[in-house]
């Protein structure tokens, strides 16, 4: 298995990158993320890091994979 690069910013959290991450999990069954929607909760909340909730759209979602994930940078 190859190493998955760590994105430097949210723009690099692409469907392709998310596919690599999700496909590395047990039970992924060759999943493919075809789109994602990024939400920035509490934008003015004083966070030092960048926090986002990313809703995933799969080509065909395996039941063991999440509908959304939290990414913190």
Protein backbone atom coordinates (compact mmCIF):
# COMPACT_ATOMS: atom_id res chain seq x y z
CA UNK A 1 0.00 0.00 0.00
CA UNK A 2 1.34 3.43 -0.90
CA UNK A 3 1.35 6.31 1.55
CA UNK A 4 -1.40 8.88 1.18
CA UNK A 5 -0.02 12.43 1.12
CA UNK A 6 -1.25 14.89 3.76
CA UNK A 7 -2.96 17.89 2.13
CA UNK A 8 -1.51 21.33 2.90
CA UNK A 9 -4.91 23.07 2.71
CA UNK A 10 -8.61 22.34 2.17
CA UNK A 11 -8.29 22.91 -1.59
CA UNK A 12 -6.17 19.75 -1.71
CA UNK A 13 -8.91 17.69 -0.05
CA UNK A 14 -10.23 16.64 -3.45
CA UNK A 15 -12.57 13.78 -4.37
CA UNK A 16 -9.48 11.93 -5.62
CA UNK A 17 -7.68 12.36 -2.28
CA UNK A 18 -10.81 11.37 -0.35
CA UNK A 19 -11.12 8.27 -2.55
CA UNK A 20 -7.58 7.25 -1.57
CA UNK A 21 -8.36 7.73 2.11
CA UNK A 22 -11.70 5.92 2.05
CA UNK A 23 -10.39 3.09 -0.15
CA UNK A 24 -7.67 2.39 2.43
CA UNK A 25 -10.29 1.46 5.05
CA UNK A 26 -11.50 -2.12 5.59
CA UNK A 27 -14.84 -2.74 3.92
CA UNK A 28 -14.39 0.00 1.33
CA UNK A 29 -14.96 -2.42 -1.56
CA UNK A 30 -13.30 -0.20 -4.18
CA UNK A 31 -15.30 2.91 -3.33
CA UNK A 32 -14.97 6.12 -5.32
CA UNK A 33 -15.76 9.61 -4.02
CA UNK A 34 -17.15 11.62 -6.95
CA UNK A 35 -17.85 14.91 -5.16
CA UNK A 36 -17.63 16.62 -1.79
CA UNK A 37 -19.22 19.59 -0.10
CA UNK A 38 -17.09 21.53 2.38
CA UNK A 39 -18.71 23.40 5.28
CA UNK A 40 -16.75 25.64 7.64
CA UNK A 41 -18.56 25.61 11.00
CA UNK A 42 -18.01 28.47 13.41
CA UNK A 43 -15.88 30.49 10.98
CA UNK A 44 -15.56 33.36 13.44
CA UNK A 45 -15.14 31.12 16.48
CA UNK A 46 -11.48 31.84 17.12
CA UNK A 47 -10.05 28.51 15.99
CA UNK A 48 -6.28 28.46 15.49
CA UNK A 49 -6.55 25.59 13.03
CA UNK A 50 -8.87 25.26 10.05
CA UNK A 51 -11.82 22.94 10.66
CA UNK A 52 -14.24 21.64 8.05
CA UNK A 53 -17.06 19.15 7.79
CA UNK A 54 -16.91 17.41 4.43
CA UNK A 55 -20.00 15.64 3.11
CA UNK A 56 -19.03 12.88 0.71
CA UNK A 57 -20.81 11.78 -2.45
CA UNK A 58 -19.85 8.29 -3.55
CA UNK A 59 -20.30 6.59 -6.89
CA UNK A 60 -21.71 3.68 -4.86
CA UNK A 61 -21.34 4.05 -1.09
CA UNK A 62 -20.31 0.92 0.81
CA UNK A 63 -22.35 0.64 4.01
CA UNK A 64 -19.27 0.77 6.26
CA UNK A 65 -18.09 4.20 5.08
CA UNK A 66 -19.26 7.54 6.53
CA UNK A 67 -21.52 10.10 4.85
CA UNK A 68 -19.29 12.90 6.17
CA UNK A 69 -15.94 13.46 7.86
CA UNK A 70 -14.30 16.22 9.91
CA UNK A 71 -10.96 17.53 8.64
CA UNK A 72 -8.74 19.66 10.87
CA UNK A 73 -5.61 21.39 9.61
